């Protein structure tokens, strides 16, 4: 491992742990400050004190560089690796090895933190076979949702990047489900996408009948492939907590099973959505599932194991998890109702 790679991995793992942005950026700045410098040069700069005086290198970064130059994994990085390993159960680890991709990710085009290229690089490093880019739709202005015109521009970028590093980049969207149950994007644009994740972002505490109608409307739309974070709950994190929405689970899951619309197992620790009881009911109803990270930064892509642990604990059969499917089968499924 090079000192640059150690610093970059620390930033990645801090993203996974949803650390404060200033901590993540500190390690990214340190990695940038030594990029391209060989070990001999760094050892000399460390010995003379020049490395300590280099802009962007702090005390912790200096320690990481020094320990890496000694030929060992830095203590700080090893601690982050151990924490990540402890988060995933043995059963979750086994299921994670069967997952081929991720159908719910964001970039700086909406409310993600990095360019698409950075998300694709992380997917490659994690061994993903495919990654769906699903930035937000126009109604969600707080998340800089994509108009039809901006989505068309993004599709050109996806076309250019598809296959980079051996990862298939799938054009997609996380489309808001509007109050009347329709999808927040022009049907002609949805026709051009490989993956459509339909999610409720507003009026989550509306009466059960209203939430149920919106979910049923989204499931009925032939473009919809996945229902994202179905209850909208938040159970921890910097955004605080939020109670889950209430809806007629039997009707919603029956409709999803009949239409072969997948229920997302959202891997974000602050969501853990759907809750265990609803996950069990969706399983009994015969639903398909998609384990996704809802990643807004490269490090979030490594949260997939948390979703795999929840799915394994609920005894979800791997064959009913669409993200275990080969790409050809996945695309046949996402387009089968259109």
Protein backbone atom coordinates (compact mmCIF):
# COMPACT_ATOMS: atom_id res chain seq x y z
CA UNK A 1 0.00 0.00 0.00
CA UNK A 2 1.26 3.47 -0.85
CA UNK A 3 0.80 6.40 1.56
CA UNK A 4 -1.48 8.03 -1.02
CA UNK A 5 -3.70 4.94 -1.21
CA UNK A 6 -3.84 4.68 2.59
CA UNK A 7 -5.02 8.28 2.92
CA UNK A 8 -7.56 7.83 0.12
CA UNK A 9 -8.93 4.66 1.73
CA UNK A 10 -9.30 6.43 5.07
CA UNK A 11 -11.36 9.16 3.40
CA UNK A 12 -13.47 6.48 1.73
CA UNK A 13 -14.07 4.63 4.99
CA UNK A 14 -14.89 7.83 6.87
CA UNK A 15 -17.54 8.48 4.22
CA UNK A 16 -18.91 5.02 4.88
CA UNK A 17 -19.10 5.90 8.58
CA UNK A 18 -20.84 9.19 7.72
CA UNK A 19 -18.13 11.17 9.47
CA UNK A 20 -18.07 14.95 9.50
CA UNK A 21 -17.23 16.30 6.03
CA UNK A 22 -14.24 18.29 7.30
CA UNK A 23 -12.56 15.06 8.50
CA UNK A 24 -13.11 13.37 5.17
CA UNK A 25 -11.80 16.36 3.24
CA UNK A 26 -8.72 16.60 5.48
CA UNK A 27 -7.55 13.16 4.37
CA UNK A 28 -8.46 13.87 0.74
CA UNK A 29 -6.34 17.05 0.87
CA UNK A 30 -3.46 15.10 2.37
CA UNK A 31 -3.73 12.46 -0.36
CA UNK A 32 -3.72 15.19 -3.01
CA UNK A 33 -0.69 16.84 -1.39
CA UNK A 34 1.49 13.75 -1.88
CA UNK A 35 0.01 12.43 -5.11
CA UNK A 36 2.74 11.36 -7.53
CA UNK A 37 5.54 11.41 -4.93
CA UNK A 38 7.47 8.15 -4.54
CA UNK A 39 8.35 6.53 -1.21
CA UNK A 40 11.99 7.60 -1.30
CA UNK A 41 11.01 11.24 -1.73
CA UNK A 42 8.46 11.00 1.09
CA UNK A 43 10.95 9.35 3.46
CA UNK A 44 13.44 12.13 2.85
CA UNK A 45 10.79 14.80 3.37
CA UNK A 46 9.63 13.07 6.56
CA UNK A 47 13.18 12.87 7.95
CA UNK A 48 13.92 16.54 7.34
CA UNK A 49 10.57 17.85 8.57
CA UNK A 50 9.58 19.16 5.14
CA UNK A 51 6.62 16.77 4.97
CA UNK A 52 5.22 18.06 8.25
CA UNK A 53 5.40 21.60 6.84
CA UNK A 54 3.60 20.64 3.62
CA UNK A 55 0.25 22.33 3.16
CA UNK A 56 -2.57 19.84 3.61
CA UNK A 57 -0.61 17.47 5.84
CA UNK A 58 -1.87 17.35 9.43
CA UNK A 59 -0.71 15.39 12.42
CA UNK A 60 -2.90 12.35 11.79
CA UNK A 61 -2.06 12.32 8.08
CA UNK A 62 1.65 12.50 8.91
CA UNK A 63 1.29 9.51 11.22
CA UNK A 64 -0.52 7.54 8.50
CA UNK A 65 2.20 8.33 5.95
CA UNK A 66 4.99 7.38 8.39
CA UNK A 67 3.42 4.06 9.32
CA UNK A 68 2.74 3.21 5.68
CA UNK A 69 6.36 3.94 4.81
CA UNK A 70 7.33 1.43 7.53
CA UNK A 71 5.53 -1.19 5.46
CA UNK A 72 2.48 -1.69 7.67
CA UNK A 73 -1.17 -0.83 7.64
CA UNK A 74 -1.61 2.42 9.58
CA UNK A 75 -3.30 2.02 12.97
CA UNK A 76 -6.02 4.52 12.10
CA UNK A 77 -6.90 2.74 8.86
CA UNK A 78 -6.89 -0.68 10.52
CA UNK A 79 -9.36 0.58 13.10
CA UNK A 80 -11.72 1.75 10.38
CA UNK A 81 -11.39 -1.59 8.56
CA UNK A 82 -12.13 -3.54 11.74
CA UNK A 83 -15.20 -1.42 12.46
CA UNK A 84 -16.57 -2.02 8.98
CA UNK A 85 -16.02 -5.78 9.27
CA UNK A 86 -17.83 -5.86 12.61
CA UNK A 87 -20.88 -4.16 11.09
CA UNK A 88 -21.67 -7.07 8.75
CA UNK A 89 -22.79 -10.48 9.97
CA UNK A 90 -21.19 -13.67 8.59
CA UNK A 91 -24.47 -14.44 6.82
CA UNK A 92 -24.52 -10.90 5.43
CA UNK A 93 -20.96 -11.30 4.19
CA UNK A 94 -21.93 -14.49 2.35
CA UNK A 95 -24.90 -12.74 0.70
CA UNK A 96 -22.80 -9.66 -0.11
CA UNK A 97 -20.52 -11.86 -2.20
CA UNK A 98 -23.53 -12.74 -4.36
CA UNK A 99 -24.61 -9.13 -4.96
CA UNK A 100 -23.60 -7.87 -8.37
CA UNK A 101 -24.71 -4.25 -8.31
CA UNK A 102 -26.50 -1.33 -6.75
CA UNK A 103 -29.65 0.28 -8.20
CA UNK A 104 -29.89 3.46 -6.08
CA UNK A 105 -27.02 6.00 -6.12
CA UNK A 106 -26.60 9.75 -6.41
CA UNK A 107 -23.98 12.14 -7.78
CA UNK A 108 -23.30 15.86 -7.66
CA UNK A 109 -25.89 16.24 -10.43
CA UNK A 110 -28.51 16.25 -7.65
CA UNK A 111 -27.65 16.01 -3.93
CA UNK A 112 -24.63 13.70 -4.06
CA UNK A 113 -21.20 15.02 -3.13
CA UNK A 114 -19.00 13.85 -5.99
CA UNK A 115 -18.88 13.52 -9.79
CA UNK A 116 -20.27 10.44 -11.47
CA UNK A 117 -16.73 9.36 -12.29
CA UNK A 118 -15.83 9.11 -8.59
CA UNK A 119 -18.88 6.95 -7.89
CA UNK A 120 -17.97 4.69 -10.79
CA UNK A 121 -14.36 4.37 -9.59
CA UNK A 122 -15.57 3.33 -6.13
CA UNK A 123 -17.95 0.78 -7.64
CA UNK A 124 -15.04 -0.70 -9.57
CA UNK A 125 -12.84 -0.91 -6.46
CA UNK A 126 -15.65 -2.68 -4.61
CA UNK A 127 -16.06 -5.23 -7.41
CA UNK A 128 -19.53 -4.18 -8.54
CA UNK A 129 -20.58 -5.40 -11.98
CA UNK A 130 -23.21 -2.69 -12.52
CA UNK A 131 -24.26 0.58 -10.95
CA UNK A 132 -27.45 2.54 -11.60
CA UNK A 133 -27.15 6.33 -11.45
CA UNK A 134 -30.44 7.51 -9.94
CA UNK A 135 -30.31 11.23 -9.24
CA UNK A 136 -33.47 12.98 -8.08
CA UNK A 137 -36.37 14.25 -10.22
CA UNK A 138 -37.38 17.92 -10.70
CA UNK A 139 -40.08 18.19 -8.02
CA UNK A 140 -37.45 17.67 -5.31
CA UNK A 141 -35.87 21.10 -5.67
CA UNK A 142 -34.18 20.87 -2.27
CA UNK A 143 -32.09 18.03 -3.75
CA UNK A 144 -31.43 19.84 -7.05
CA UNK A 145 -33.64 17.39 -8.93
CA UNK A 146 -33.05 16.94 -12.65
CA UNK A 147 -35.38 18.51 -15.18
CA UNK A 148 -35.99 16.57 -18.37
CA UNK A 149 -33.36 18.74 -20.07
CA UNK A 150 -30.71 18.11 -17.41
CA UNK A 151 -31.54 14.40 -17.36
CA UNK A 152 -31.00 14.27 -21.12
CA UNK A 153 -27.58 15.86 -20.61
CA UNK A 154 -26.74 13.32 -17.93
CA UNK A 155 -27.71 10.47 -20.24
CA UNK A 156 -24.98 11.58 -22.63
CA UNK A 157 -22.45 11.43 -19.81
CA UNK A 158 -23.66 7.98 -18.79
CA UNK A 159 -23.26 6.81 -22.38
CA UNK A 160 -19.64 8.01 -22.43
CA UNK A 161 -18.75 6.51 -19.06
CA UNK A 162 -20.59 3.19 -19.41
CA UNK A 163 -18.15 0.29 -19.14
CA UNK A 164 -15.32 2.37 -17.69
CA UNK A 165 -13.16 0.05 -15.64
CA UNK A 166 -15.41 -2.88 -16.45
CA UNK A 167 -18.47 -1.54 -14.60
CA UNK A 168 -21.76 -1.09 -16.45
CA UNK A 169 -23.24 2.30 -15.63
CA UNK A 170 -27.01 2.14 -15.99
CA UNK A 171 -29.07 5.27 -16.70
CA UNK A 172 -31.70 5.71 -14.04
CA UNK A 173 -33.57 8.04 -11.73
CA UNK A 174 -34.99 8.23 -8.23
CA UNK A 175 -38.30 9.68 -9.24
CA UNK A 176 -40.51 11.39 -6.70
CA UNK A 177 -44.02 9.98 -6.27
CA UNK A 178 -46.33 12.98 -6.45
CA UNK A 179 -49.41 13.54 -4.31
CA UNK A 180 -51.66 11.94 -6.95
CA UNK A 181 -49.47 8.83 -7.27
CA UNK A 182 -47.92 9.79 -10.62
CA UNK A 183 -44.18 9.89 -11.28
CA UNK A 184 -42.30 13.17 -11.36
CA UNK A 185 -40.72 12.92 -14.82
CA UNK A 186 -41.87 12.92 -18.41
CA UNK A 187 -42.84 9.40 -19.57
CA UNK A 188 -40.72 9.85 -22.70
CA UNK A 189 -37.66 10.40 -20.49
CA UNK A 190 -38.50 7.44 -18.26
CA UNK A 191 -38.65 5.30 -21.42
CA UNK A 192 -34.95 6.04 -21.97
CA UNK A 193 -33.85 4.74 -18.57
CA UNK A 194 -32.81 1.28 -17.45
CA UNK A 195 -33.74 1.71 -13.78
CA UNK A 196 -36.55 3.72 -12.15
CA UNK A 197 -36.66 3.90 -8.36
CA UNK A 198 -39.92 5.49 -7.19
CA UNK A 199 -39.84 7.08 -3.74
CA UNK A 200 -42.04 9.23 -1.52
CA UNK A 201 -40.24 12.28 -0.15
CA UNK A 202 -43.10 14.52 0.97
CA UNK A 203 -46.28 14.19 3.04
CA UNK A 204 -44.89 11.07 4.69
CA UNK A 205 -47.14 11.58 7.71
CA UNK A 206 -50.31 11.84 5.65
CA UNK A 207 -53.23 9.51 6.46
CA UNK A 208 -52.77 5.85 5.60
CA UNK A 209 -55.27 5.95 2.75
CA UNK A 210 -53.38 8.75 1.02
CA UNK A 211 -49.96 7.12 1.38
CA UNK A 212 -51.41 3.80 0.23
CA UNK A 213 -52.93 5.38 -2.88
CA UNK A 214 -49.65 7.05 -3.79
CA UNK A 215 -47.67 3.82 -3.43
CA UNK A 216 -50.24 1.87 -5.45
CA UNK A 217 -50.12 4.55 -8.15
CA UNK A 218 -46.34 4.29 -8.36
CA UNK A 219 -46.45 0.49 -8.54
CA UNK A 220 -49.06 0.62 -11.30
CA UNK A 221 -46.86 2.80 -13.50
CA UNK A 222 -45.10 0.43 -15.92
CA UNK A 223 -41.85 2.40 -15.63
CA UNK A 224 -41.42 1.67 -11.91
CA UNK A 225 -38.87 -1.02 -11.03
CA UNK A 226 -38.16 -0.41 -7.35
CA UNK A 227 -39.99 1.29 -4.48
CA UNK A 228 -37.29 3.15 -2.55
CA UNK A 229 -37.12 3.48 1.28
CA UNK A 230 -40.81 2.67 1.48
CA UNK A 231 -41.65 4.12 4.93
CA UNK A 232 -39.35 7.15 4.71
CA UNK A 233 -38.31 6.70 8.31
CA UNK A 234 -35.06 7.91 9.91
CA UNK A 235 -33.89 6.05 12.99
CA UNK A 236 -30.61 7.89 13.74
CA UNK A 237 -28.03 10.25 12.30
CA UNK A 238 -27.32 13.95 11.93
CA UNK A 239 -30.71 14.62 10.35
CA UNK A 240 -32.45 13.39 13.50
CA UNK A 241 -35.22 10.82 13.57
CA UNK A 242 -38.49 10.64 11.66
CA UNK A 243 -41.38 8.21 12.20
CA UNK A 244 -42.31 5.80 9.46
CA UNK A 245 -45.25 6.49 7.21
CA UNK A 246 -48.36 4.36 7.64
CA UNK A 247 -50.02 2.51 4.75
CA UNK A 248 -51.97 -0.64 3.96
CA UNK A 249 -49.01 -3.00 3.73
CA UNK A 250 -51.06 -5.99 2.58
CA UNK A 251 -52.45 -4.09 -0.44
CA UNK A 252 -49.14 -2.46 -1.32
CA UNK A 253 -47.05 -5.61 -1.10
CA UNK A 254 -49.65 -7.68 -2.95
CA UNK A 255 -49.62 -5.13 -5.78
CA UNK A 256 -45.82 -5.05 -5.85
CA UNK A 257 -45.61 -8.84 -5.98
CA UNK A 258 -48.16 -9.06 -8.79
CA UNK A 259 -46.41 -6.34 -10.83
CA UNK A 260 -42.92 -7.67 -10.01
CA UNK A 261 -41.88 -4.32 -8.58
CA UNK A 262 -39.04 -4.76 -6.09
CA UNK A 263 -39.16 -3.47 -2.53
CA UNK A 264 -35.89 -1.80 -1.67
CA UNK A 265 -33.89 -2.95 1.34
CA UNK A 266 -32.20 0.38 1.94
CA UNK A 267 -28.74 -0.20 3.39
CA UNK A 268 -28.31 3.25 4.94
CA UNK A 269 -27.92 2.87 8.74
CA UNK A 270 -30.13 5.89 9.37
CA UNK A 271 -32.98 4.36 7.35
CA UNK A 272 -33.00 0.56 7.89
CA UNK A 273 -36.05 0.62 5.66
CA UNK A 274 -38.34 -1.30 5.52
CA UNK A 275 -38.54 -2.12 9.23
CA UNK A 276 -38.19 -5.78 10.15
CA UNK A 277 -41.93 -6.41 10.48
CA UNK A 278 -42.71 -4.93 7.07
CA UNK A 279 -39.77 -6.76 5.49
CA UNK A 280 -41.24 -10.01 6.80
CA UNK A 281 -44.69 -9.14 5.40
CA UNK A 282 -43.23 -8.28 2.00
CA UNK A 283 -41.42 -11.61 2.00
CA UNK A 284 -44.63 -13.53 2.75
CA UNK A 285 -46.44 -11.55 0.04
CA UNK A 286 -43.98 -12.85 -2.55
CA UNK A 287 -42.21 -9.58 -3.33
CA UNK A 288 -38.92 -9.17 -5.11
CA UNK A 289 -36.25 -7.12 -3.33
CA UNK A 290 -33.37 -4.85 -4.26
CA UNK A 291 -30.56 -4.26 -1.76
CA UNK A 292 -29.30 -0.72 -2.44
CA UNK A 293 -27.07 1.81 -0.71
CA UNK A 294 -28.82 5.07 -1.64
CA UNK A 295 -25.23 6.31 -1.83
CA UNK A 296 -24.55 10.05 -1.91
CA UNK A 297 -20.76 9.67 -1.75
CA UNK A 298 -18.27 6.99 -2.88
CA UNK A 299 -17.79 5.59 0.62
CA UNK A 300 -21.52 5.00 0.98
CA UNK A 301 -21.31 2.31 -1.69
CA UNK A 302 -19.56 0.14 0.89
CA UNK A 303 -22.71 0.10 3.03
CA UNK A 304 -24.18 -2.66 0.87
CA UNK A 305 -23.12 -5.25 3.43
CA UNK A 306 -25.43 -3.70 6.03
CA UNK A 307 -28.38 -4.25 3.73
CA UNK A 308 -27.17 -7.78 3.02
CA UNK A 309 -27.05 -8.49 6.76
CA UNK A 310 -30.67 -7.38 7.19
CA UNK A 311 -31.80 -9.45 4.21
CA UNK A 312 -29.94 -12.52 5.49
CA UNK A 313 -31.41 -12.10 8.98
CA UNK A 314 -34.89 -12.00 7.42
CA UNK A 315 -34.16 -15.16 5.39
CA UNK A 316 -34.78 -13.43 2.06
CA UNK A 317 -33.91 -15.96 -0.67
CA UNK A 318 -31.03 -14.66 -2.80
CA UNK A 319 -32.90 -15.50 -5.99
CA UNK A 320 -35.61 -12.98 -5.02
CA UNK A 321 -33.01 -10.21 -4.68
CA UNK A 322 -32.74 -8.63 -8.12
CA UNK A 323 -29.25 -7.28 -7.43
CA UNK A 324 -27.95 -10.86 -7.35
CA UNK A 325 -29.09 -11.33 -10.94
CA UNK A 326 -26.76 -11.18 -13.96
CA UNK A 327 -27.04 -7.92 -15.88
CA UNK A 328 -28.89 -9.48 -18.81
CA UNK A 329 -31.59 -10.87 -16.51
CA UNK A 330 -31.77 -7.62 -14.56
CA UNK A 331 -32.34 -5.51 -17.68
CA UNK A 332 -34.94 -7.93 -19.01
CA UNK A 333 -36.80 -7.46 -15.74
CA UNK A 334 -36.51 -3.65 -15.61
CA UNK A 335 -37.97 -3.37 -19.12
CA UNK A 336 -40.55 -6.16 -19.02
CA UNK A 337 -43.59 -3.92 -18.30
CA UNK A 338 -42.72 -1.09 -20.67
